[in-house]
């Protein structure tokens, strides 16, 4: 409570609240009237002081002691007006405090969610260098956010990426995870994923490609646009006006929407190098290359085991060893065969072979239904060798 030297006849007002009494003092009646009529009031500056007490009697005693004689009690509406002002101010402050807490909680939730996305990335088989590069991209984005918060200048960072590698090495999966992380870091407004290839960009007749390309790129705004086999837009041995029109449109829209679009172009390593070198605009916008190497036989076995786990199948060590031997046979060709996609083919053949085997049993057990036997793998190996001869 603040006390002031009173030079005029002071007035005070008393009102009852829920569990207490409030009394408020002004220098004089005129000041009290001004307070009541003001549109914008302050409990700190528009009264002499105020105090909460436990009863009306104590309020009167305090008023007499502090204000002295002469002083005058006025209508309770004055005190009620101040009480309402204090409650409103308290609610506003409370709301701001709650909003701050909510913002902090949201920030904490997003951080936890980003960590979960990174855990999902790190749970992928192999891809050691890719995981390291993605973590670096996330770190760059986080530090940029911190700089922005304290008003520091942000360097121009290229967000667009070139993913190189053979099919089935996880390029699409990693791109999807990156989109989710970028959305949570507010780099992208939506974080959705749009996967396309040449056929989605290039039209049948000259002049139709630009509108077609524009439409598909606009559908990706706020997220990741993933262009698979992007090198096919610029064939090596011939001029392609349609592909060039798509590239020119892409470059323009990338520049126009650089704050809310990430483009990832993907394909074979040497082909992608040629594609980027073919156009100065591509070269300036795509400076980050992420290489996805072929899986080793051991990594591919782990992928097979993961497929078994996800679909409720089990294998023993003997079957695992047979699958490893099968993959070793194809190790030199694994890039051409599709890496993880080839493992999927083995898995599908094992399912088909198991079903054919169980169909001849009169009453297969639950264990039979979920178990791959070594003969399922041996037959799958034979079938795959035969199919690759054609």
Foldseek 3Di string as FASTA:
>chain_A
DDADDADAAKEKAWDDDDQWIKMFIASHPVLLVCQVPDPDHDQVPSTRHMDIGRDVVVVVVVCCVRNPPPYYYDYNVSVVVSVVVVVVVVVVVVVVVVVVVVVVVLLVVLVVVLVVLLVVVVPAFDQPQVSVVLVVVLVLLVVQVVCVVVPHDDDDDQQAEEEAAFFQLCPQVVQLSSLSNCCSSVQFVPSHEAEEEPVQQFDDDPPVRLVSLVVSQVVQFRHEYEYEPLLVLCDDPDGDPRSVSSVVSVLVVCVVRVSHYYYYYYYHDVSVVCSCVVDPSSVVNYPHYRYRYADALVSLLVLLVVVLVVVQADEDPVLSVLSSVLCVVCVVVCSVCRRNVVSVLLNVQQLVLLVVVCVPPPDDDPNSNRYGDNVSNVVSSVVVVVVVVD
